[in-house]
PDB file of N, CA and C in Angstrom:
ATOM      1  N   MET A   1      -6.994   4.848   1.300  1.00  0.00           N
ATOM      2  CA  MET A   1      -7.842   3.698   1.016  1.00  0.00           C
ATOM      3  C   MET A   1      -7.645   2.590   2.042  1.00  0.00           C
ATOM      4  N   GLY A   2      -6.450   2.561   2.651  1.00  0.00           N
ATOM      5  CA  GLY A   2      -6.159   1.500   3.612  1.00  0.00           C
ATOM      6  C   GLY A   2      -7.142   1.467   4.754  1.00  0.00           C
ATOM      7  N   SER A   3      -7.494   2.627   5.279  1.00  0.00           N
ATOM      8  CA  SER A   3      -8.402   2.656   6.419  1.00  0.00           C
ATOM      9  C   SER A   3      -9.819   2.267   6.021  1.00  0.00           C
ATOM     10  N   ILE A   4     -10.222   2.594   4.825  1.00  0.00           N
ATOM     11  CA  ILE A   4     -11.580   2.282   4.361  1.00  0.00           C
ATOM     12  C   ILE A   4     -11.725   0.794   4.067  1.00  0.00           C
ATOM     13  N   PHE A   5     -10.818   0.248   3.289  1.00  0.00           N
ATOM     14  CA  PHE A   5     -10.942  -1.137   2.843  1.00  0.00           C
ATOM     15  C   PHE A   5     -10.310  -2.141   3.801  1.00  0.00           C
ATOM     16  N   PHE A   6      -9.246  -1.763   4.517  1.00  0.00           N
ATOM     17  CA  PHE A   6      -8.463  -2.750   5.246  1.00  0.00           C
ATOM     18  C   PHE A   6      -8.351  -2.485   6.739  1.00  0.00           C
ATOM     19  N   GLY A   7      -8.930  -1.399   7.217  1.00  0.00           N
ATOM     20  CA  GLY A   7      -8.962  -1.137   8.646  1.00  0.00           C
ATOM     21  C   GLY A   7      -7.636  -0.717   9.246  1.00  0.00           C
ATOM     22  N   PHE A   8      -6.765  -0.089   8.479  1.00  0.00           N
ATOM     23  CA  PHE A   8      -5.530   0.420   9.046  1.00  0.00           C
ATOM     24  C   PHE A   8      -5.272   1.833   8.573  1.00  0.00           C
ATOM     25  N   TYR A   9      -4.468   2.533   9.354  1.00  0.00           N
ATOM     26  CA  TYR A   9      -4.065   3.889   9.000  1.00  0.00           C
ATOM     27  C   TYR A   9      -2.556   3.979   9.095  1.00  0.00           C
ATOM     28  N   PHE A  10      -1.939   4.487   8.054  1.00  0.00           N
ATOM     29  CA  PHE A  10      -0.510   4.766   8.074  1.00  0.00           C
ATOM     30  C   PHE A  10      -0.339   6.237   7.764  1.00  0.00           C
ATOM     31  N   ARG A  11       0.556   6.855   8.468  1.00  0.00           N
ATOM     32  CA  ARG A  11       0.703   8.310   8.389  1.00  0.00           C
ATOM     33  C   ARG A  11       0.985   8.783   6.973  1.00  0.00           C
ATOM     34  N   ASP A  12       1.862   8.097   6.259  1.00  0.00           N
ATOM     35  CA  ASP A  12       2.202   8.498   4.897  1.00  0.00           C
ATOM     36  C   ASP A  12       2.450   7.248   4.062  1.00  0.00           C
ATOM     37  N   ILE A  13       1.384   6.585   3.705  1.00  0.00           N
ATOM     38  CA  ILE A  13       1.477   5.294   3.027  1.00  0.00           C
ATOM     39  C   ILE A  13       2.203   5.391   1.682  1.00  0.00           C
ATOM     40  N   ASP A  14       2.169   6.550   1.054  1.00  0.00           N
ATOM     41  CA  ASP A  14       2.790   6.691  -0.263  1.00  0.00           C
ATOM     42  C   ASP A  14       4.213   7.248  -0.212  1.00  0.00           C
ATOM     43  N   CYS A  15       4.770   7.384   0.979  1.00  0.00           N
ATOM     44  CA  CYS A  15       6.149   7.829   1.087  1.00  0.00           C
ATOM     45  C   CYS A  15       7.055   6.842   0.345  1.00  0.00           C
ATOM     46  N   GLY A  16       8.002   7.360  -0.406  1.00  0.00           N
ATOM     47  CA  GLY A  16       8.875   6.507  -1.203  1.00  0.00           C
ATOM     48  C   GLY A  16       9.950   5.789  -0.413  1.00  0.00           C
ATOM     49  N   PHE A  17      10.126   6.118   0.864  1.00  0.00           N
ATOM     50  CA  PHE A  17      11.163   5.503   1.684  1.00  0.00           C
ATOM     51  C   PHE A  17      10.553   4.364   2.475  1.00  0.00           C
ATOM     52  N   LYS A  18      10.892   3.137   2.090  1.00  0.00           N
ATOM     53  CA  LYS A  18      10.355   1.952   2.766  1.00  0.00           C
ATOM     54  C   LYS A  18      11.454   0.908   2.896  1.00  0.00           C
ATOM     55  N   LEU A  19      11.430   0.192   3.983  1.00  0.00           N
ATOM     56  CA  LEU A  19      12.336  -0.933   4.185  1.00  0.00           C
ATOM     57  C   LEU A  19      11.501  -2.149   4.560  1.00  0.00           C
ATOM     58  N   PHE A  20      11.788  -3.268   3.917  1.00  0.00           N
ATOM     59  CA  PHE A  20      11.097  -4.516   4.217  1.00  0.00           C
ATOM     60  C   PHE A  20      12.134  -5.615   4.384  1.00  0.00           C
ATOM     61  N   LYS A  21      11.904  -6.497   5.326  1.00  0.00           N
ATOM     62  CA  LYS A  21      12.751  -7.674   5.442  1.00  0.00           C
ATOM     63  C   LYS A  21      12.343  -8.663   4.357  1.00  0.00           C
ATOM     64  N   LYS A  22      13.340  -9.261   3.743  1.00  0.00           N
ATOM     65  CA  LYS A  22      13.075 -10.223   2.672  1.00  0.00           C
ATOM     66  C   LYS A  22      12.209 -11.371   3.182  1.00  0.00           C
ATOM     67  N   GLU A  23      12.477 -11.823   4.386  1.00  0.00           N
ATOM     68  CA  GLU A  23      11.708 -12.939   4.956  1.00  0.00           C
ATOM     69  C   GLU A  23      10.226 -12.567   5.102  1.00  0.00           C
ATOM     70  N   ALA A  24       9.968 -11.316   5.470  1.00  0.00           N
ATOM     71  CA  ALA A  24       8.584 -10.861   5.619  1.00  0.00           C
ATOM     72  C   ALA A  24       7.888 -10.833   4.266  1.00  0.00           C
ATOM     73  N   LEU A  25       8.561 -10.287   3.254  1.00  0.00           N
ATOM     74  CA  LEU A  25       7.959 -10.236   1.915  1.00  0.00           C
ATOM     75  C   LEU A  25       7.711 -11.638   1.373  1.00  0.00           C
ATOM     76  N   ASN A  26       8.631 -12.548   1.635  1.00  0.00           N
ATOM     77  CA  ASN A  26       8.449 -13.926   1.165  1.00  0.00           C
ATOM     78  C   ASN A  26       7.203 -14.570   1.759  1.00  0.00           C
ATOM     79  N   LYS A  27       6.830 -14.173   2.985  1.00  0.00           N
ATOM     80  CA  LYS A  27       5.648 -14.738   3.641  1.00  0.00           C
ATOM     81  C   LYS A  27       4.345 -14.263   3.010  1.00  0.00           C
ATOM     82  N   ILE A  28       4.374 -13.102   2.354  1.00  0.00           N
ATOM     83  CA  ILE A  28       3.118 -12.528   1.850  1.00  0.00           C
ATOM     84  C   ILE A  28       3.055 -12.441   0.330  1.00  0.00           C
ATOM     85  N   MET A  29       4.055 -12.946  -0.352  1.00  0.00           N
ATOM     86  CA  MET A  29       4.045 -12.937  -1.817  1.00  0.00           C
ATOM     87  C   MET A  29       3.091 -14.012  -2.308  1.00  0.00           C
ATOM     88  N   PRO A  30       2.620 -13.944  -3.529  1.00  0.00           N
ATOM     89  CA  PRO A  30       2.945 -12.995  -4.593  1.00  0.00           C
ATOM     90  C   PRO A  30       2.108 -11.721  -4.472  1.00  0.00           C
ATOM     91  N   PHE A  31       2.522 -10.709  -5.211  1.00  0.00           N
ATOM     92  CA  PHE A  31       1.805  -9.443  -5.256  1.00  0.00           C
ATOM     93  C   PHE A  31       1.145  -9.285  -6.614  1.00  0.00           C
ATOM     94  N   ARG A  32      -0.027  -8.677  -6.615  1.00  0.00           N
ATOM     95  CA  ARG A  32      -0.758  -8.483  -7.872  1.00  0.00           C
ATOM     96  C   ARG A  32      -0.861  -7.018  -8.275  1.00  0.00           C
ATOM     97  N   SER A  33      -0.674  -6.125  -7.310  1.00  0.00           N
ATOM     98  CA  SER A  33      -0.825  -4.694  -7.585  1.00  0.00           C
ATOM     99  C   SER A  33       0.352  -4.167  -8.379  1.00  0.00           C
ATOM    100  N   GLU A  34       0.063  -3.124  -9.128  1.00  0.00           N
ATOM    101  CA  GLU A  34       1.097  -2.416  -9.856  1.00  0.00           C
ATOM    102  C   GLU A  34       0.992  -0.946  -9.492  1.00  0.00           C
ATOM    103  N   GLY A  35       2.093  -0.251  -9.514  1.00  0.00           N
ATOM    104  CA  GLY A  35       2.061   1.180  -9.256  1.00  0.00           C
ATOM    105  C   GLY A  35       1.775   1.501  -7.806  1.00  0.00           C
ATOM    106  N   ALA A  36       0.969   2.527  -7.595  1.00  0.00           N
ATOM    107  CA  ALA A  36       0.754   3.108  -6.276  1.00  0.00           C
ATOM    108  C   ALA A  36       0.142   2.142  -5.261  1.00  0.00           C
ATOM    109  N   MET A  37      -0.600   1.162  -5.692  1.00  0.00           N
ATOM    110  CA  MET A  37      -1.297   0.269  -4.762  1.00  0.00           C
ATOM    111  C   MET A  37      -0.404  -0.817  -4.168  1.00  0.00           C
ATOM    112  N   ILE A  38       0.823  -0.943  -4.625  1.00  0.00           N
ATOM    113  CA  ILE A  38       1.684  -2.016  -4.120  1.00  0.00           C
ATOM    114  C   ILE A  38       1.925  -1.876  -2.621  1.00  0.00           C
ATOM    115  N   THR A  39       2.099  -0.667  -2.125  1.00  0.00           N
ATOM    116  CA  THR A  39       2.329  -0.488  -0.691  1.00  0.00           C
ATOM    117  C   THR A  39       1.106  -0.889   0.112  1.00  0.00           C
ATOM    118  N   THR A  40      -0.070  -0.515  -0.350  1.00  0.00           N
ATOM    119  CA  THR A  40      -1.296  -0.895   0.344  1.00  0.00           C
ATOM    120  C   THR A  40      -1.424  -2.413   0.379  1.00  0.00           C
ATOM    121  N   GLU A  41      -1.122  -3.071  -0.739  1.00  0.00           N
ATOM    122  CA  GLU A  41      -1.194  -4.538  -0.774  1.00  0.00           C
ATOM    123  C   GLU A  41      -0.203  -5.154   0.209  1.00  0.00           C
ATOM    124  N   ILE A  42       1.026  -4.672   0.206  1.00  0.00           N
ATOM    125  CA  ILE A  42       2.035  -5.214   1.123  1.00  0.00           C
ATOM    126  C   ILE A  42       1.586  -5.039   2.571  1.00  0.00           C
ATOM    127  N   LEU A  43       1.115  -3.843   2.928  1.00  0.00           N
ATOM    128  CA  LEU A  43       0.718  -3.589   4.307  1.00  0.00           C
ATOM    129  C   LEU A  43      -0.538  -4.364   4.700  1.00  0.00           C
ATOM    130  N   ALA A  44      -1.497  -4.491   3.792  1.00  0.00           N
ATOM    131  CA  ALA A  44      -2.714  -5.258   4.090  1.00  0.00           C
ATOM    132  C   ALA A  44      -2.379  -6.731   4.308  1.00  0.00           C
ATOM    133  N   LYS A  45      -1.513  -7.277   3.455  1.00  0.00           N
ATOM    134  CA  LYS A  45      -1.125  -8.681   3.607  1.00  0.00           C
ATOM    135  C   LYS A  45      -0.274  -8.878   4.856  1.00  0.00           C
ATOM    136  N   ALA A  46       0.594  -7.919   5.168  1.00  0.00           N
ATOM    137  CA  ALA A  46       1.415  -8.007   6.375  1.00  0.00           C
ATOM    138  C   ALA A  46       0.534  -7.970   7.620  1.00  0.00           C
ATOM    139  N   LYS A  47      -0.457  -7.106   7.616  1.00  0.00           N
ATOM    140  CA  LYS A  47      -1.384  -7.024   8.748  1.00  0.00           C
ATOM    141  C   LYS A  47      -2.144  -8.333   8.908  1.00  0.00           C
ATOM    142  N   LYS A  48      -2.625  -8.870   7.805  1.00  0.00           N
ATOM    143  CA  LYS A  48      -3.367 -10.127   7.857  1.00  0.00           C
ATOM    144  C   LYS A  48      -2.480 -11.268   8.352  1.00  0.00           C
ATOM    145  N   ALA A  49      -1.196 -11.241   7.977  1.00  0.00           N
ATOM    146  CA  ALA A  49      -0.248 -12.271   8.405  1.00  0.00           C
ATOM    147  C   ALA A  49       0.307 -12.000   9.804  1.00  0.00           C
ATOM    148  N   LYS A  50      -0.160 -10.916  10.435  1.00  0.00           N
ATOM    149  CA  LYS A  50       0.268 -10.524  11.783  1.00  0.00           C
ATOM    150  C   LYS A  50       1.775 -10.266  11.863  1.00  0.00           C
ATOM    151  N   LEU A  51       2.331  -9.682  10.813  1.00  0.00           N
ATOM    152  CA  LEU A  51       3.739  -9.300  10.814  1.00  0.00           C
ATOM    153  C   LEU A  51       3.893  -7.970  11.546  1.00  0.00           C
ATOM    154  N   LYS A  52       5.040  -7.751  12.125  1.00  0.00           N
ATOM    155  CA  LYS A  52       5.316  -6.509  12.845  1.00  0.00           C
ATOM    156  C   LYS A  52       5.562  -5.380  11.843  1.00  0.00           C
ATOM    157  N   ILE A  53       4.894  -4.252  12.056  1.00  0.00           N
ATOM    158  CA  ILE A  53       5.032  -3.095  11.172  1.00  0.00           C
ATOM    159  C   ILE A  53       5.389  -1.887  12.038  1.00  0.00           C
ATOM    160  N   ASN A  54       6.461  -1.209  11.670  1.00  0.00           N
ATOM    161  CA  ASN A  54       6.870   0.019  12.351  1.00  0.00           C
ATOM    162  C   ASN A  54       6.810   1.185  11.384  1.00  0.00           C
ATOM    163  N   GLN A  55       6.514   2.351  11.920  1.00  0.00           N
ATOM    164  CA  GLN A  55       6.567   3.581  11.140  1.00  0.00           C
ATOM    165  C   GLN A  55       7.560   4.520  11.804  1.00  0.00           C
ATOM    166  N   VAL A  56       8.334   5.186  10.984  1.00  0.00           N
ATOM    167  CA  VAL A  56       9.251   6.191  11.502  1.00  0.00           C
ATOM    168  C   VAL A  56       9.012   7.483  10.732  1.00  0.00           C
ATOM    169  N   GLU A  57       9.274   8.593  11.382  1.00  0.00           N
ATOM    170  CA  GLU A  57       9.065   9.883  10.737  1.00  0.00           C
ATOM    171  C   GLU A  57      10.209  10.183   9.776  1.00  0.00           C
ATOM    172  N   VAL A  58       9.867  10.686   8.605  1.00  0.00           N
ATOM    173  CA  VAL A  58      10.870  11.140   7.641  1.00  0.00           C
ATOM    174  C   VAL A  58      10.538  12.583   7.266  1.00  0.00           C
ATOM    175  N   MET A  59      11.560  13.320   6.911  1.00  0.00           N
ATOM    176  CA  MET A  59      11.375  14.717   6.510  1.00  0.00           C
ATOM    177  C   MET A  59      11.026  14.766   5.021  1.00  0.00           C
ATOM    178  N   HIS A  60      10.051  15.586   4.689  1.00  0.00           N
ATOM    179  CA  HIS A  60       9.663  15.791   3.298  1.00  0.00           C
ATOM    180  C   HIS A  60      10.040  17.212   2.891  1.00  0.00           C
ATOM    181  N   TYR A  61      10.522  17.331   1.690  1.00  0.00           N
ATOM    182  CA  TYR A  61      10.910  18.630   1.160  1.00  0.00           C
ATOM    183  C   TYR A  61      10.061  18.937  -0.068  1.00  0.00           C
ATOM    184  N   PRO A  62       9.883  20.195  -0.395  1.00  0.00           N
ATOM    185  CA  PRO A  62       9.076  20.547  -1.570  1.00  0.00           C
ATOM    186  C   PRO A  62       9.637  19.914  -2.846  1.00  0.00           C
ATOM    187  N   ARG A  63       8.748  19.512  -3.729  1.00  0.00           N
ATOM    188  CA  ARG A  63       9.133  18.920  -5.006  1.00  0.00           C
ATOM    189  C   ARG A  63       9.810  19.985  -5.862  1.00  0.00           C
ATOM    190  N   LYS A  64      10.976  19.644  -6.390  1.00  0.00           N
ATOM    191  CA  LYS A  64      11.693  20.576  -7.260  1.00  0.00           C
ATOM    192  C   LYS A  64      11.431  20.282  -8.729  1.00  0.00           C
ATOM    193  N   TYR A  65      11.221  19.016  -9.059  1.00  0.00           N
ATOM    194  CA  TYR A  65      11.060  18.619 -10.456  1.00  0.00           C
ATOM    195  C   TYR A  65       9.870  17.677 -10.591  1.00  0.00           C
ATOM    196  N   GLY A  66       9.301  17.641 -11.778  1.00  0.00           N
ATOM    197  CA  GLY A  66       8.208  16.719 -12.064  1.00  0.00           C
ATOM    198  C   GLY A  66       6.888  17.194 -11.498  1.00  0.00           C
ATOM    199  N   ASP A  67       5.855  16.476 -11.846  1.00  0.00           N
ATOM    200  CA  ASP A  67       4.502  16.798 -11.413  1.00  0.00           C
ATOM    201  C   ASP A  67       3.932  15.640 -10.620  1.00  0.00           C
ATOM    202  N   GLN A  68       3.200  15.937  -9.574  1.00  0.00           N
ATOM    203  CA  GLN A  68       2.508  14.885  -8.826  1.00  0.00           C
ATOM    204  C   GLN A  68       1.323  14.396  -9.644  1.00  0.00           C
ATOM    205  N   SER A  69       0.974  13.129  -9.491  1.00  0.00           N
ATOM    206  CA  SER A  69      -0.148  12.575 -10.264  1.00  0.00           C
ATOM    207  C   SER A  69      -1.247  12.036  -9.369  1.00  0.00           C
ATOM    208  N   GLY A  70      -1.101  12.130  -8.051  1.00  0.00           N
ATOM    209  CA  GLY A  70      -2.082  11.568  -7.135  1.00  0.00           C
ATOM    210  C   GLY A  70      -3.460  12.189  -7.238  1.00  0.00           C
ATOM    211  N   GLY A  71      -3.561  13.431  -7.685  1.00  0.00           N
ATOM    212  CA  GLY A  71      -4.848  14.093  -7.816  1.00  0.00           C
ATOM    213  C   GLY A  71      -5.524  13.847  -9.147  1.00  0.00           C
ATOM    214  N   ASN A  72      -4.893  13.105 -10.017  1.00  0.00           N
ATOM    215  CA  ASN A  72      -5.440  12.784 -11.334  1.00  0.00           C
ATOM    216  C   ASN A  72      -6.622  11.832 -11.173  1.00  0.00           C
ATOM    217  N   LEU A  73      -7.768  12.155 -11.775  1.00  0.00           N
ATOM    218  CA  LEU A  73      -8.973  11.339 -11.637  1.00  0.00           C
ATOM    219  C   LEU A  73      -8.732   9.894 -12.064  1.00  0.00           C
ATOM    220  N   ARG A  74      -7.986   9.693 -13.126  1.00  0.00           N
ATOM    221  CA  ARG A  74      -7.696   8.327 -13.594  1.00  0.00           C
ATOM    222  C   ARG A  74      -6.930   7.534 -12.539  1.00  0.00           C
ATOM    223  N   VAL A  75      -5.968   8.179 -11.874  1.00  0.00           N
ATOM    224  CA  VAL A  75      -5.187   7.529 -10.821  1.00  0.00           C
ATOM    225  C   VAL A  75      -6.087   7.183  -9.635  1.00  0.00           C
ATOM    226  N   ILE A  76      -6.982   8.083  -9.273  1.00  0.00           N
ATOM    227  CA  ILE A  76      -7.888   7.861  -8.152  1.00  0.00           C
ATOM    228  C   ILE A  76      -8.848   6.704  -8.436  1.00  0.00           C
ATOM    229  N   VAL A  77      -9.434   6.684  -9.611  1.00  0.00           N
ATOM    230  CA  VAL A  77     -10.366   5.609  -9.978  1.00  0.00           C
ATOM    231  C   VAL A  77      -9.643   4.265  -9.999  1.00  0.00           C
ATOM    232  N   ARG A  78      -8.443   4.252 -10.550  1.00  0.00           N
ATOM    233  CA  ARG A  78      -7.666   3.000 -10.586  1.00  0.00           C
ATOM    234  C   ARG A  78      -7.364   2.520  -9.170  1.00  0.00           C
ATOM    235  N   ALA A  79      -7.007   3.447  -8.268  1.00  0.00           N
ATOM    236  CA  ALA A  79      -6.698   3.082  -6.886  1.00  0.00           C
ATOM    237  C   ALA A  79      -7.922   2.497  -6.185  1.00  0.00           C
ATOM    238  N   ILE A  80      -9.078   3.085  -6.399  1.00  0.00           N
ATOM    239  CA  ILE A  80     -10.312   2.566  -5.789  1.00  0.00           C
ATOM    240  C   ILE A  80     -10.624   1.182  -6.336  1.00  0.00           C
ATOM    241  N   ARG A  81     -10.508   1.014  -7.632  1.00  0.00           N
ATOM    242  CA  ARG A  81     -10.771  -0.286  -8.264  1.00  0.00           C
ATOM    243  C   ARG A  81      -9.802  -1.347  -7.736  1.00  0.00           C
ATOM    244  N   GLU A  82      -8.513  -1.016  -7.672  1.00  0.00           N
ATOM    245  CA  GLU A  82      -7.527  -1.973  -7.177  1.00  0.00           C
ATOM    246  C   GLU A  82      -7.728  -2.263  -5.693  1.00  0.00           C
ATOM    247  N   SER A  83      -8.131  -1.263  -4.917  1.00  0.00           N
ATOM    248  CA  SER A  83      -8.393  -1.479  -3.486  1.00  0.00           C
ATOM    249  C   SER A  83      -9.545  -2.454  -3.283  1.00  0.00           C
ATOM    250  N   PHE A  84     -10.615  -2.258  -4.031  1.00  0.00           N
ATOM    251  CA  PHE A  84     -11.755  -3.167  -3.906  1.00  0.00           C
ATOM    252  C   PHE A  84     -11.370  -4.580  -4.321  1.00  0.00           C
ATOM    253  N   SER A  85     -10.632  -4.704  -5.394  1.00  0.00           N
ATOM    254  CA  SER A  85     -10.202  -6.015  -5.864  1.00  0.00           C
ATOM    255  C   SER A  85      -9.300  -6.704  -4.838  1.00  0.00           C
ATOM    256  N   LEU A  86      -8.368  -5.961  -4.273  1.00  0.00           N
ATOM    257  CA  LEU A  86      -7.486  -6.517  -3.243  1.00  0.00           C
ATOM    258  C   LEU A  86      -8.282  -6.905  -2.005  1.00  0.00           C
ATOM    259  N   TRP A  87      -9.202  -6.056  -1.584  1.00  0.00           N
ATOM    260  CA  TRP A  87     -10.058  -6.369  -0.421  1.00  0.00           C
ATOM    261  C   TRP A  87     -10.806  -7.675  -0.657  1.00  0.00           C
ATOM    262  N   LYS A  88     -11.358  -7.813  -1.845  1.00  0.00           N
ATOM    263  CA  LYS A  88     -12.100  -9.022  -2.197  1.00  0.00           C
ATOM    264  C   LYS A  88     -11.182 -10.251  -2.150  1.00  0.00           C
ATOM    265  N   ASP A  89      -9.999 -10.127  -2.724  1.00  0.00           N
ATOM    266  CA  ASP A  89      -9.045 -11.247  -2.707  1.00  0.00           C
ATOM    267  C   ASP A  89      -8.683 -11.650  -1.287  1.00  0.00           C
ATOM    268  N   LEU A  90      -8.405 -10.684  -0.420  1.00  0.00           N
ATOM    269  CA  LEU A  90      -7.992 -10.982   0.938  1.00  0.00           C
ATOM    270  C   LEU A  90      -9.130 -11.524   1.777  1.00  0.00           C
ATOM    271  N   ASN A  91     -10.348 -11.090   1.526  1.00  0.00           N
ATOM    272  CA  ASN A  91     -11.477 -11.515   2.339  1.00  0.00           C
ATOM    273  C   ASN A  91     -12.186 -12.745   1.817  1.00  0.00           C
ATOM    274  N   VAL A  92     -11.987 -13.075   0.562  1.00  0.00           N
ATOM    275  CA  VAL A  92     -12.562 -14.295   0.009  1.00  0.00           C
ATOM    276  C   VAL A  92     -11.579 -15.446   0.187  1.00  0.00           C
ATOM    277  N   GLY A  93     -10.311 -15.087   0.395  1.00  0.00           N
ATOM    278  CA  GLY A  93      -9.325 -16.106   0.709  1.00  0.00           C
ATOM    279  C   GLY A  93      -8.387 -16.502  -0.393  1.00  0.00           C
ATOM    280  N   ARG A  94      -8.338 -15.733  -1.469  1.00  0.00           N
ATOM    281  CA  ARG A  94      -7.423 -16.085  -2.555  1.00  0.00           C
ATOM    282  C   ARG A  94      -5.980 -15.811  -2.185  1.00  0.00           C
ATOM    283  N   ASN A  95      -5.716 -14.846  -1.307  1.00  0.00           N
ATOM    284  CA  ASN A  95      -4.352 -14.538  -0.844  1.00  0.00           C
ATOM    285  C   ASN A  95      -4.385 -14.158   0.604  1.00  0.00           C
TER     286      ASN A  95
END
């Protein structure tokens, strides 16, 4: 959704391994997203604030336990709705 709504591409935006500097997060807070969209919100706000963003490669291994939920229609619809809402907030100037 990042490339569609916010004009950026990240190789694996939903990867669970992320590091953020506290000072950087303080510049772009508060956050409104919950769940999967929080990373998109952080990256969209960081891009808008012209913060430096680096990506590094991480190794992924097959899931041993649990079920993925990204293909669930409810999750997809919620992500689209939250993306549009975030896009509107960032482009109308609320955040």
